Amino acid sequence: MPHYLKMGVILMVVGMVATTILAVTESATRTPIAEAKRQEMLTMLKNVLPEGFDNQPDVDTVTLADKRLNRLGKPVIFYRGRKGSTNLGAAFVVTAPDGYAGDIEIMMSVAPNGTIHLVQIASQSETPGLGDKIVKTDWLKAFPDKNQDNVKWRVKKDGGDFDQFSGATITPRAVVGAVKRGLDFFVEKKEAIFQPVTTEKKP
């Protein structure tokens, strides 16, 4: 066999072996990676949802879309927390498109009666030392137990009840507005958010 053909065969065999090894490795790690991501999501949901749920909120979900949740109206997953047949709350991400440095993604959970349980910042790139105080201070603790009617949903500079930061009004204003829009959507669509889980009948 000519030398160049022999080299071609060797390279082909090496490539096949390398491809097989990569395929086997990917197959072996796929399940652990997926489970690790699931556990990460469950931990986040345990931190956000009201305590006591006994379902699996990472799979007990409903997906809805509305421009109040994000500027483009992209579908948003609502993670439902239930204890037996009792709805305890739902967690979902609402996006503030008007942050000083871009989008601010906010994970919020709301009880069935329309009262906010918790608000956390899922993603932000606000100015260090100014806008990022939304995560560097206790500012988010102003949201739990708020509903549509027991607070003025604006920062104090605009006549509302929420503090702003010195030199950084844009960021808290954006977060307050986004949380209010998310709360309004939740209250309006509560029936759809907590629609019963249906199971297909076996033939």
N, C-alpha and C. Protein backbone atom coordinates (compact mmCIF):
# COMPACT_ATOMS: atom_id res chain seq x y z
N MET A 1 0.85 -1.18 0.00
CA MET A 1 0.00 0.00 0.00
C MET A 1 0.90 1.25 0.00
N PRO A 2 0.59 2.20 -0.89
CA PRO A 2 1.40 3.42 -0.91
C PRO A 2 1.39 4.12 0.44
N HIS A 3 2.50 4.83 0.69
CA HIS A 3 2.66 5.46 1.99
C HIS A 3 1.53 6.47 2.28
N TYR A 4 1.13 7.25 1.27
CA TYR A 4 0.13 8.29 1.52
C TYR A 4 -1.23 7.66 1.83
N LEU A 5 -1.50 6.48 1.22
CA LEU A 5 -2.76 5.80 1.52
C LEU A 5 -2.74 5.24 2.94
N LYS A 6 -1.59 4.70 3.33
CA LYS A 6 -1.45 4.16 4.67
C LYS A 6 -1.67 5.26 5.71
N MET A 7 -1.08 6.45 5.46
CA MET A 7 -1.25 7.55 6.37
C MET A 7 -2.72 7.99 6.45
N GLY A 8 -3.41 7.95 5.29
CA GLY A 8 -4.83 8.32 5.26
C GLY A 8 -5.67 7.37 6.09
N VAL A 9 -5.37 6.07 5.97
CA VAL A 9 -6.11 5.07 6.74
C VAL A 9 -5.88 5.27 8.23
N ILE A 10 -4.62 5.52 8.61
CA ILE A 10 -4.29 5.74 10.03
C ILE A 10 -5.04 6.93 10.58
N LEU A 11 -5.03 8.03 9.81
CA LEU A 11 -5.73 9.23 10.26
C LEU A 11 -7.23 8.99 10.39
N MET A 12 -7.79 8.22 9.48
CA MET A 12 -9.21 7.92 9.53
C MET A 12 -9.55 7.09 10.77
N VAL A 13 -8.71 6.10 11.06
CA VAL A 13 -8.92 5.25 12.24
C VAL A 13 -8.82 6.08 13.52
N VAL A 14 -7.78 6.94 13.57
CA VAL A 14 -7.61 7.79 14.74
C VAL A 14 -8.82 8.70 14.93
N GLY A 15 -9.33 9.23 13.84
CA GLY A 15 -10.50 10.10 13.91
C GLY A 15 -11.73 9.35 14.41
N MET A 16 -11.91 8.11 13.93
CA MET A 16 -13.05 7.31 14.35
C MET A 16 -12.96 6.98 15.84
N VAL A 17 -11.75 6.63 16.28
CA VAL A 17 -11.56 6.29 17.69
C VAL A 17 -11.84 7.52 18.57
N ALA A 18 -11.32 8.69 18.15
CA ALA A 18 -11.53 9.91 18.92
C ALA A 18 -13.01 10.27 18.98
N THR A 19 -13.70 10.12 17.85
CA THR A 19 -15.14 10.42 17.81
C THR A 19 -15.91 9.50 18.74
N THR A 20 -15.54 8.21 18.73
CA THR A 20 -16.21 7.24 19.60
C THR A 20 -16.00 7.58 21.07
N ILE A 21 -14.76 7.93 21.41
CA ILE A 21 -14.47 8.29 22.81
C ILE A 21 -15.28 9.51 23.24
N LEU A 22 -15.35 10.53 22.35
CA LEU A 22 -16.12 11.72 22.68
C LEU A 22 -17.60 11.41 22.85
N ALA A 23 -18.13 10.55 21.97
CA ALA A 23 -19.54 10.18 22.05
C ALA A 23 -19.85 9.44 23.34
N VAL A 24 -18.98 8.51 23.71
CA VAL A 24 -19.18 7.75 24.94
C VAL A 24 -19.09 8.66 26.15
N THR A 25 -18.11 9.58 26.16
CA THR A 25 -17.94 10.50 27.27
C THR A 25 -19.15 11.41 27.41
N GLU A 26 -19.64 11.94 26.29
CA GLU A 26 -20.81 12.82 26.32
C GLU A 26 -22.03 12.09 26.84
N SER A 27 -22.19 10.84 26.40
CA SER A 27 -23.34 10.04 26.83
C SER A 27 -23.27 9.76 28.33
N ALA A 28 -22.05 9.49 28.81
CA ALA A 28 -21.87 9.14 30.22
C ALA A 28 -22.07 10.34 31.14
N THR A 29 -21.79 11.55 30.63
CA THR A 29 -21.88 12.74 31.50
C THR A 29 -23.20 13.49 31.33
N ARG A 30 -23.98 13.15 30.31
CA ARG A 30 -25.21 13.89 30.04
C ARG A 30 -26.17 13.84 31.22
N THR A 31 -26.40 12.64 31.74
CA THR A 31 -27.35 12.49 32.85
C THR A 31 -26.89 13.20 34.12
N PRO A 32 -25.62 13.02 34.54
CA PRO A 32 -25.17 13.75 35.74
C PRO A 32 -25.26 15.27 35.59
N ILE A 33 -24.94 15.78 34.40
CA ILE A 33 -25.01 17.23 34.18
C ILE A 33 -26.45 17.71 34.28
N ALA A 34 -27.37 16.96 33.65
CA ALA A 34 -28.77 17.33 33.70
C ALA A 34 -29.30 17.30 35.14
N GLU A 35 -28.89 16.30 35.90
CA GLU A 35 -29.34 16.20 37.29
C GLU A 35 -28.75 17.32 38.13
N ALA A 36 -27.50 17.69 37.86
CA ALA A 36 -26.88 18.79 38.60
C ALA A 36 -27.63 20.09 38.34
N LYS A 37 -28.03 20.33 37.08
CA LYS A 37 -28.78 21.53 36.74
C LYS A 37 -30.15 21.51 37.42
N ARG A 38 -30.75 20.32 37.47
CA ARG A 38 -32.06 20.19 38.11
C ARG A 38 -31.96 20.50 39.60
N GLN A 39 -30.93 19.99 40.26
CA GLN A 39 -30.75 20.25 41.68
C GLN A 39 -30.49 21.73 41.94
N GLU A 40 -29.76 22.37 41.03
CA GLU A 40 -29.50 23.80 41.15
C GLU A 40 -30.80 24.59 41.07
N MET A 41 -31.66 24.19 40.11
CA MET A 41 -32.96 24.84 39.97
C MET A 41 -33.83 24.61 41.20
N LEU A 42 -33.83 23.37 41.73
CA LEU A 42 -34.62 23.07 42.91
C LEU A 42 -34.17 23.91 44.11
N THR A 43 -32.86 24.07 44.25
CA THR A 43 -32.34 24.87 45.36
C THR A 43 -32.82 26.31 45.25
N MET A 44 -32.77 26.85 44.04
CA MET A 44 -33.24 28.22 43.84
C MET A 44 -34.72 28.34 44.15
N LEU A 45 -35.50 27.36 43.71
CA LEU A 45 -36.94 27.41 43.95
C LEU A 45 -37.26 27.26 45.44
N LYS A 46 -36.48 26.45 46.14
CA LYS A 46 -36.68 26.31 47.59
C LYS A 46 -36.42 27.64 48.29
N ASN A 47 -35.48 28.42 47.77
CA ASN A 47 -35.17 29.72 48.36
C ASN A 47 -36.23 30.77 48.06
N VAL A 48 -36.92 30.59 46.94
CA VAL A 48 -37.85 31.62 46.48
C VAL A 48 -39.30 31.32 46.85
N LEU A 49 -39.73 30.08 46.68
CA LEU A 49 -41.13 29.72 46.92
C LEU A 49 -41.45 29.65 48.41
N PRO A 50 -42.71 29.83 48.77
CA PRO A 50 -43.10 29.65 50.17
C PRO A 50 -42.75 28.24 50.65
N GLU A 51 -42.41 28.13 51.91
CA GLU A 51 -42.02 26.84 52.47
C GLU A 51 -43.20 25.87 52.53
N GLY A 52 -42.87 24.58 52.48
CA GLY A 52 -43.89 23.56 52.71
C GLY A 52 -44.37 22.83 51.48
N PHE A 53 -43.90 23.22 50.28
CA PHE A 53 -44.40 22.50 49.10
C PHE A 53 -43.87 21.08 49.09
N ASP A 54 -44.69 20.15 48.61
CA ASP A 54 -44.28 18.75 48.55
C ASP A 54 -44.34 18.19 47.13
N ASN A 55 -44.51 19.08 46.17
CA ASN A 55 -44.45 18.65 44.77
C ASN A 55 -43.06 18.89 44.23
N GLN A 56 -42.89 18.78 42.93
CA GLN A 56 -41.63 19.06 42.26
C GLN A 56 -41.84 20.28 41.36
N PRO A 57 -41.63 21.48 41.90
CA PRO A 57 -41.95 22.68 41.14
C PRO A 57 -41.13 22.87 39.87
N ASP A 58 -40.00 22.17 39.77
CA ASP A 58 -39.21 22.30 38.54
C ASP A 58 -39.86 21.59 37.36
N VAL A 59 -40.80 20.69 37.64
CA VAL A 59 -41.52 20.01 36.55
C VAL A 59 -43.00 20.35 36.58
N ASP A 60 -43.48 20.88 37.71
CA ASP A 60 -44.88 21.32 37.81
C ASP A 60 -44.93 22.77 37.34
N THR A 61 -44.99 22.95 36.04
CA THR A 61 -44.86 24.29 35.47
C THR A 61 -45.96 24.57 34.45
N VAL A 62 -46.10 25.84 34.15
CA VAL A 62 -46.93 26.28 33.04
C VAL A 62 -46.18 27.43 32.38
N THR A 63 -46.28 27.53 31.07
CA THR A 63 -45.56 28.56 30.32
C THR A 63 -46.56 29.55 29.72
N LEU A 64 -46.35 30.82 30.01
CA LEU A 64 -47.22 31.87 29.51
C LEU A 64 -46.37 33.00 28.93
N ALA A 65 -46.98 33.82 28.11
CA ALA A 65 -46.24 34.90 27.47
C ALA A 65 -47.03 36.20 27.54
N ASP A 66 -46.33 37.30 27.77
CA ASP A 66 -46.96 38.61 27.81
C ASP A 66 -45.86 39.66 27.83
N LYS A 67 -46.10 40.78 27.20
CA LYS A 67 -45.08 41.83 27.15
C LYS A 67 -44.87 42.51 28.50
N ARG A 68 -45.75 42.26 29.45
CA ARG A 68 -45.51 42.77 30.79
C ARG A 68 -44.38 42.01 31.48
N LEU A 69 -44.17 40.77 31.05
CA LEU A 69 -43.13 39.94 31.66
C LEU A 69 -41.76 40.22 31.05
N ASN A 70 -41.74 40.53 29.78
CA ASN A 70 -40.50 40.95 29.10
C ASN A 70 -40.89 41.69 27.84
N ARG A 71 -40.03 42.54 27.39
CA ARG A 71 -40.36 43.48 26.32
C ARG A 71 -40.81 42.78 25.04
N LEU A 72 -40.24 41.61 24.73
CA LEU A 72 -40.56 40.92 23.48
C LEU A 72 -41.72 39.95 23.63
N GLY A 73 -42.24 39.81 24.83
CA GLY A 73 -43.33 38.87 25.02
C GLY A 73 -42.92 37.42 24.89
N LYS A 74 -41.67 37.12 25.22
CA LYS A 74 -41.18 35.74 25.13
C LYS A 74 -41.83 34.89 26.22
N PRO A 75 -42.02 33.59 25.95
CA PRO A 75 -42.63 32.70 26.94
C PRO A 75 -41.84 32.67 28.24
N VAL A 76 -42.55 32.64 29.34
CA VAL A 76 -41.96 32.60 30.69
C VAL A 76 -42.51 31.38 31.42
N ILE A 77 -41.62 30.65 32.09
CA ILE A 77 -42.02 29.47 32.84
C ILE A 77 -42.45 29.89 34.25
N PHE A 78 -43.61 29.43 34.67
CA PHE A 78 -44.10 29.64 36.03
C PHE A 78 -43.96 28.32 36.78
N TYR A 79 -43.18 28.35 37.85
CA TYR A 79 -42.93 27.16 38.66
C TYR A 79 -43.91 27.18 39.83
N ARG A 80 -44.78 26.18 39.89
CA ARG A 80 -45.82 26.16 40.92
C ARG A 80 -45.38 25.37 42.14
N GLY A 81 -45.57 25.93 43.32
CA GLY A 81 -45.33 25.23 44.57
C GLY A 81 -46.66 24.81 45.17
N ARG A 82 -46.82 23.51 45.43
CA ARG A 82 -48.08 23.01 45.97
C ARG A 82 -47.82 22.10 47.16
N LYS A 83 -48.75 22.08 48.08
CA LYS A 83 -48.75 21.11 49.16
C LYS A 83 -50.03 20.30 49.01
N GLY A 84 -49.88 19.07 48.54
CA GLY A 84 -51.06 18.31 48.17
C GLY A 84 -51.78 19.01 47.03
N SER A 85 -53.05 19.32 47.24
CA SER A 85 -53.82 20.03 46.22
C SER A 85 -53.90 21.53 46.48
N THR A 86 -53.17 21.99 47.50
CA THR A 86 -53.19 23.41 47.86
C THR A 86 -52.07 24.17 47.17
N ASN A 87 -52.42 25.24 46.47
CA ASN A 87 -51.41 26.08 45.83
C ASN A 87 -50.77 27.00 46.86
N LEU A 88 -49.45 26.95 46.96
CA LEU A 88 -48.73 27.81 47.89
C LEU A 88 -48.17 29.06 47.22
N GLY A 89 -47.84 28.95 45.94
CA GLY A 89 -47.29 30.11 45.24
C GLY A 89 -46.68 29.69 43.92
N ALA A 90 -46.27 30.68 43.17
CA ALA A 90 -45.60 30.44 41.89
C ALA A 90 -44.42 31.38 41.76
N ALA A 91 -43.35 30.87 41.19
CA ALA A 91 -42.14 31.66 40.95
C ALA A 91 -41.92 31.81 39.46
N PHE A 92 -41.47 32.99 39.05
CA PHE A 92 -41.25 33.24 37.63
C PHE A 92 -40.29 34.42 37.48
N VAL A 93 -39.76 34.57 36.28
CA VAL A 93 -38.81 35.65 36.00
C VAL A 93 -39.48 36.73 35.18
N VAL A 94 -39.38 37.96 35.67
CA VAL A 94 -39.85 39.12 34.93
C VAL A 94 -38.61 39.97 34.61
N THR A 95 -38.60 40.57 33.44
CA THR A 95 -37.42 41.32 32.99
C THR A 95 -37.71 42.82 32.93
N ALA A 96 -36.86 43.58 33.59
CA ALA A 96 -36.92 45.04 33.49
C ALA A 96 -36.04 45.45 32.31
N PRO A 97 -36.62 45.99 31.25
CA PRO A 97 -35.82 46.34 30.07
C PRO A 97 -35.15 47.70 30.17
N ASP A 98 -35.46 48.43 31.24
CA ASP A 98 -35.03 49.83 31.34
C ASP A 98 -34.03 50.07 32.47
N GLY A 99 -33.22 49.05 32.78
CA GLY A 99 -32.13 49.27 33.73
C GLY A 99 -31.10 50.21 33.14
N TYR A 100 -30.26 50.77 33.98
CA TYR A 100 -29.26 51.73 33.51
C TYR A 100 -28.29 51.08 32.52
N ALA A 101 -27.94 49.81 32.77
CA ALA A 101 -26.96 49.13 31.92
C ALA A 101 -27.58 47.99 31.12
N GLY A 102 -28.90 47.99 30.98
CA GLY A 102 -29.54 46.94 30.19
C GLY A 102 -30.59 46.19 30.99
N ASP A 103 -30.94 45.01 30.50
CA ASP A 103 -31.98 44.21 31.12
C ASP A 103 -31.60 43.78 32.54
N ILE A 104 -32.59 43.76 33.41
CA ILE A 104 -32.44 43.21 34.76
C ILE A 104 -33.46 42.09 34.89
N GLU A 105 -32.99 40.87 35.10
CA GLU A 105 -33.88 39.74 35.25
C GLU A 105 -34.18 39.51 36.73
N ILE A 106 -35.46 39.42 37.04
CA ILE A 106 -35.91 39.37 38.43
C ILE A 106 -36.73 38.10 38.65
N MET A 107 -36.31 37.27 39.57
CA MET A 107 -37.09 36.10 39.97
C MET A 107 -38.00 36.53 41.12
N MET A 108 -39.29 36.37 40.94
CA MET A 108 -40.23 36.74 41.99
C MET A 108 -41.20 35.60 42.25
N SER A 109 -41.64 35.49 43.48
CA SER A 109 -42.65 34.49 43.81
C SER A 109 -43.83 35.19 44.46
N VAL A 110 -45.02 34.70 44.12
CA VAL A 110 -46.25 35.33 44.58
C VAL A 110 -47.19 34.26 45.11
N ALA A 111 -47.84 34.55 46.22
CA ALA A 111 -48.82 33.64 46.80
C ALA A 111 -50.13 33.75 46.03
N PRO A 112 -50.99 32.75 46.13
CA PRO A 112 -52.26 32.78 45.39
C PRO A 112 -53.14 33.99 45.69
N ASN A 113 -52.97 34.59 46.88
CA ASN A 113 -53.79 35.77 47.21
C ASN A 113 -53.22 37.06 46.63
N GLY A 114 -52.17 36.95 45.81
CA GLY A 114 -51.61 38.13 45.17
C GLY A 114 -50.63 38.89 46.02
N THR A 115 -50.08 38.23 47.04
CA THR A 115 -49.08 38.86 47.90
C THR A 115 -47.70 38.35 47.53
N ILE A 116 -46.75 39.25 47.36
CA ILE A 116 -45.39 38.86 47.00
C ILE A 116 -44.73 38.14 48.17
N HIS A 117 -44.12 37.00 47.87
CA HIS A 117 -43.40 36.26 48.90
C HIS A 117 -41.93 36.66 48.94
N LEU A 118 -41.31 36.73 47.76
CA LEU A 118 -39.89 37.05 47.72
C LEU A 118 -39.52 37.57 46.34
N VAL A 119 -38.51 38.43 46.31
CA VAL A 119 -37.96 38.94 45.05
C VAL A 119 -36.45 38.79 45.10
N GLN A 120 -35.87 38.22 44.04
CA GLN A 120 -34.42 38.10 43.92
C GLN A 120 -33.99 38.56 42.54
N ILE A 121 -32.77 39.06 42.44
CA ILE A 121 -32.22 39.44 41.14
C ILE A 121 -31.53 38.22 40.55
N ALA A 122 -32.00 37.79 39.38
CA ALA A 122 -31.41 36.63 38.72
C ALA A 122 -30.24 37.02 37.84
N SER A 123 -30.28 38.23 37.26
CA SER A 123 -29.21 38.67 36.37
C SER A 123 -29.25 40.19 36.25
N GLN A 124 -28.07 40.81 36.34
CA GLN A 124 -27.99 42.27 36.20
C GLN A 124 -26.56 42.66 35.87
N SER A 125 -26.41 43.83 35.28
CA SER A 125 -25.07 44.34 34.96
C SER A 125 -25.01 45.83 35.28
N GLU A 126 -25.68 46.21 36.36
CA GLU A 126 -25.75 47.62 36.73
C GLU A 126 -24.40 48.13 37.24
N THR A 127 -24.25 49.44 37.30
CA THR A 127 -22.99 50.08 37.65
C THR A 127 -22.55 49.71 39.06
N PRO A 128 -21.34 49.16 39.22
CA PRO A 128 -20.84 48.82 40.55
C PRO A 128 -20.83 50.03 41.48
N GLY A 129 -21.31 49.83 42.70
CA GLY A 129 -21.34 50.90 43.67
C GLY A 129 -22.55 51.81 43.58
N LEU A 130 -23.32 51.67 42.49
CA LEU A 130 -24.53 52.48 42.33
C LEU A 130 -25.73 51.57 42.12
N GLY A 131 -26.00 51.25 40.85
CA GLY A 131 -27.17 50.42 40.55
C GLY A 131 -27.10 49.02 41.12
N ASP A 132 -25.88 48.49 41.29
CA ASP A 132 -25.79 47.12 41.79
C ASP A 132 -26.12 47.02 43.29
N LYS A 133 -26.50 48.14 43.89
CA LYS A 133 -26.95 48.09 45.29
C LYS A 133 -28.23 47.28 45.43
N ILE A 134 -28.91 47.02 44.32
CA ILE A 134 -30.11 46.18 44.38
C ILE A 134 -29.75 44.77 44.85
N VAL A 135 -28.48 44.37 44.67
CA VAL A 135 -28.05 43.06 45.16
C VAL A 135 -27.03 43.17 46.29
N LYS A 136 -26.44 44.33 46.47
CA LYS A 136 -25.39 44.50 47.49
C LYS A 136 -25.94 45.04 48.81
N THR A 137 -27.24 45.35 48.85
CA THR A 137 -27.86 45.86 50.07
C THR A 137 -29.13 45.05 50.37
N ASP A 138 -29.85 45.46 51.39
CA ASP A 138 -31.11 44.79 51.75
C ASP A 138 -32.31 45.41 51.05
N TRP A 139 -32.09 46.14 49.98
CA TRP A 139 -33.16 46.87 49.33
C TRP A 139 -34.33 45.98 48.90
N LEU A 140 -34.04 44.76 48.44
CA LEU A 140 -35.09 43.87 47.95
C LEU A 140 -36.03 43.41 49.06
N LYS A 141 -35.63 43.59 50.31
CA LYS A 141 -36.49 43.18 51.43
C LYS A 141 -37.72 44.06 51.56
N ALA A 142 -37.82 45.10 50.74
CA ALA A 142 -39.00 45.96 50.77
C ALA A 142 -40.18 45.31 50.05
N PHE A 143 -39.96 44.26 49.27
CA PHE A 143 -41.02 43.69 48.44
C PHE A 143 -41.90 42.63 49.11
N PRO A 144 -41.37 41.74 49.96
CA PRO A 144 -42.24 40.72 50.56
C PRO A 144 -43.45 41.33 51.27
N ASP A 145 -44.59 40.64 51.14
CA ASP A 145 -45.86 41.03 51.76
C ASP A 145 -46.54 42.20 51.06
N LYS A 146 -45.99 42.64 49.94
CA LYS A 146 -46.64 43.71 49.19
C LYS A 146 -47.64 43.11 48.20
N ASN A 147 -48.73 43.84 47.98
CA ASN A 147 -49.69 43.45 46.95
C ASN A 147 -50.01 44.67 46.09
N GLN A 148 -51.02 44.55 45.25
CA GLN A 148 -51.30 45.65 44.34
C GLN A 148 -51.76 46.92 45.07
N ASP A 149 -52.32 46.76 46.27
CA ASP A 149 -53.01 47.90 46.89
C ASP A 149 -52.37 48.45 48.16
N ASN A 150 -51.44 47.71 48.78
CA ASN A 150 -50.94 48.17 50.09
C ASN A 150 -49.66 48.98 50.02
N VAL A 151 -49.28 49.40 48.82
CA VAL A 151 -48.08 50.20 48.65
C VAL A 151 -48.21 51.02 47.36
N LYS A 152 -47.55 52.16 47.33
CA LYS A 152 -47.50 52.96 46.10
C LYS A 152 -46.32 52.45 45.27
N TRP A 153 -46.62 51.91 44.10
CA TRP A 153 -45.61 51.22 43.31
C TRP A 153 -44.76 52.18 42.49
N ARG A 154 -44.04 53.02 43.19
CA ARG A 154 -43.07 53.93 42.58
C ARG A 154 -41.96 54.18 43.60
N VAL A 155 -40.83 54.67 43.12
CA VAL A 155 -39.79 55.08 44.07
C VAL A 155 -40.23 56.40 44.70
N LYS A 156 -39.62 56.72 45.84
CA LYS A 156 -40.04 57.90 46.59
C LYS A 156 -39.87 59.19 45.79
N LYS A 157 -38.85 59.21 44.92
CA LYS A 157 -38.63 60.39 44.10
C LYS A 157 -39.80 60.67 43.18
N ASP A 158 -40.53 59.59 42.83
CA ASP A 158 -41.70 59.71 41.95
C ASP A 158 -43.01 59.69 42.73
N GLY A 159 -42.93 59.84 44.07
CA GLY A 159 -44.13 59.88 44.88
C GLY A 159 -44.57 58.52 45.40
N GLY A 160 -43.70 57.52 45.31
CA GLY A 160 -44.05 56.18 45.78
C GLY A 160 -43.47 55.86 47.13
N ASP A 161 -43.44 54.55 47.45
CA ASP A 161 -43.01 54.10 48.78
C ASP A 161 -41.65 53.39 48.79
N PHE A 162 -41.04 53.21 47.63
CA PHE A 162 -39.79 52.47 47.58
C PHE A 162 -38.59 53.42 47.53
N ASP A 163 -37.58 53.10 48.33
CA ASP A 163 -36.36 53.91 48.35
C ASP A 163 -35.63 53.84 47.02
N GLN A 164 -34.93 54.90 46.68
CA GLN A 164 -33.98 54.87 45.58
C GLN A 164 -32.59 55.07 46.16
N PHE A 165 -31.58 54.95 45.32
CA PHE A 165 -30.21 55.12 45.79
C PHE A 165 -29.70 56.49 45.37
N SER A 166 -28.87 57.07 46.18
CA SER A 166 -28.29 58.36 45.84
C SER A 166 -27.47 58.24 44.56
N GLY A 167 -27.86 59.00 43.56
CA GLY A 167 -27.16 58.97 42.28
C GLY A 167 -27.52 57.82 41.38
N ALA A 168 -28.52 57.02 41.80
CA ALA A 168 -28.89 55.85 40.99
C ALA A 168 -30.38 55.56 41.15
N THR A 169 -31.19 56.41 40.55
CA THR A 169 -32.64 56.24 40.63
C THR A 169 -33.15 55.31 39.54
N ILE A 170 -32.46 55.27 38.42
CA ILE A 170 -32.95 54.52 37.27
C ILE A 170 -33.10 53.04 37.59
N THR A 171 -32.12 52.45 38.26
CA THR A 171 -32.15 51.01 38.54
C THR A 171 -33.31 50.62 39.45
N PRO A 172 -33.47 51.22 40.63
CA PRO A 172 -34.61 50.84 41.47
C PRO A 172 -35.95 51.14 40.82
N ARG A 173 -36.01 52.22 40.06
CA ARG A 173 -37.26 52.54 39.35
C ARG A 173 -37.61 51.42 38.36
N ALA A 174 -36.60 50.91 37.66
CA ALA A 174 -36.82 49.83 36.70
C ALA A 174 -37.29 48.56 37.39
N VAL A 175 -36.67 48.22 38.52
CA VAL A 175 -37.03 47.00 39.24
C VAL A 175 -38.45 47.10 39.80
N VAL A 176 -38.77 48.23 40.42
CA VAL A 176 -40.11 48.40 40.98
C VAL A 176 -41.16 48.28 39.88
N GLY A 177 -40.91 48.91 38.75
CA GLY A 177 -41.85 48.84 37.64
C GLY A 177 -42.04 47.43 37.12
N ALA A 178 -40.94 46.68 37.01
CA ALA A 178 -41.01 45.32 36.49
C ALA A 178 -41.74 44.40 37.46
N VAL A 179 -41.44 44.53 38.75
CA VAL A 179 -42.11 43.69 39.74
C VAL A 179 -43.61 43.98 39.75
N LYS A 180 -43.98 45.24 39.63
CA LYS A 180 -45.41 45.61 39.59
C LYS A 180 -46.07 45.01 38.37
N ARG A 181 -45.43 45.06 37.21
CA ARG A 181 -46.02 44.48 36.01
C ARG A 181 -46.16 42.96 36.17
N GLY A 182 -45.14 42.33 36.76
CA GLY A 182 -45.23 40.90 37.00
C GLY A 182 -46.36 40.56 37.95
N LEU A 183 -46.54 41.36 38.99
CA LEU A 183 -47.61 41.14 39.96
C LEU A 183 -48.97 41.33 39.29
N ASP A 184 -49.10 42.37 38.48
CA ASP A 184 -50.36 42.61 37.77
C ASP A 184 -50.71 41.42 36.88
N PHE A 185 -49.70 40.90 36.17
CA PHE A 185 -49.94 39.77 35.29
C PHE A 185 -50.37 38.55 36.11
N PHE A 186 -49.69 38.31 37.22
CA PHE A 186 -50.00 37.17 38.07
C PHE A 186 -51.46 37.22 38.54
N VAL A 187 -51.86 38.37 39.06
CA VAL A 187 -53.22 38.51 39.57
C VAL A 187 -54.24 38.31 38.46
N GLU A 188 -53.96 38.86 37.30
CA GLU A 188 -54.89 38.74 36.17
C GLU A 188 -54.98 37.31 35.65
N LYS A 189 -53.86 36.59 35.65
CA LYS A 189 -53.81 35.26 35.04
C LYS A 189 -53.68 34.14 36.08
N LYS A 190 -54.07 34.41 37.31
CA LYS A 190 -53.87 33.43 38.39
C LYS A 190 -54.53 32.09 38.06
N GLU A 191 -55.70 32.12 37.49
CA GLU A 191 -56.40 30.88 37.17
C GLU A 191 -55.60 30.04 36.18
N ALA A 192 -55.02 30.70 35.18
CA ALA A 192 -54.21 29.98 34.19
C ALA A 192 -52.90 29.49 34.80
N ILE A 193 -52.32 30.29 35.70
CA ILE A 193 -51.05 29.92 36.32
C ILE A 193 -51.21 28.68 37.19
N PHE A 194 -52.33 28.60 37.90
CA PHE A 194 -52.54 27.48 38.81
C PHE A 194 -53.52 26.44 38.24
N GLN A 195 -53.62 26.41 36.92
CA GLN A 195 -54.52 25.42 36.33
C GLN A 195 -54.12 24.02 36.79
N PRO A 196 -55.10 23.16 37.05
CA PRO A 196 -54.79 21.82 37.55
C PRO A 196 -53.90 21.05 36.59
N VAL A 197 -53.03 20.22 37.16
CA VAL A 197 -52.19 19.35 36.35
C VAL A 197 -53.06 18.26 35.77
N THR A 198 -52.99 18.10 34.46
CA THR A 198 -53.81 17.06 33.81
C THR A 198 -52.92 15.90 33.41
N THR A 199 -53.47 14.71 33.53
CA THR A 199 -52.75 13.51 33.12
C THR A 199 -53.54 12.79 32.06
N GLU A 200 -52.87 12.35 31.02
CA GLU A 200 -53.55 11.66 29.94
C GLU A 200 -54.01 10.29 30.39
N LYS A 201 -55.22 9.95 30.00
CA LYS A 201 -55.73 8.63 30.34
C LYS A 201 -55.10 7.56 29.46
N LYS A 202 -54.72 6.48 30.08
CA LYS A 202 -54.14 5.40 29.31
C LYS A 202 -55.24 4.65 28.54
N PRO A 203 -54.99 4.28 27.30
CA PRO A 203 -56.02 3.57 26.53
C PRO A 203 -56.27 2.20 27.10
